[in-house]
Amino acid sequence: MLEMRPECERCGAGLPAEGAGAFICSLECTFCATCADELDDICPNCKGELMDRPTRPKRLHDKYPPTSLRAQGTSTGAG
């Protein structure tokens, strides 16, 4: 099950699980649409492709809660 991380690793923008506009790689590095576009849809951490993250409806949050953990550090996009 996807973690549904709550913010962009690069700029810190909020990315609620029920909202569109989040992009993830296969390792679930998470970025907002603006940062994903600036990164040419390539994850700066693993060099994998960034894809649209599916949304999780609020009605499922009790049964399948999104993570509240923040990224350990922010990605610079360098690399």
Foldseek 3Di string as FASTA:
>chain_A
DQQQAQAQLAPGHGDGQQDWAWWQFPVGRIHGNVVCVVLVQADLPPRGGIDTDHHDDPVCCVVPNHDHDHDPHGDNSHD
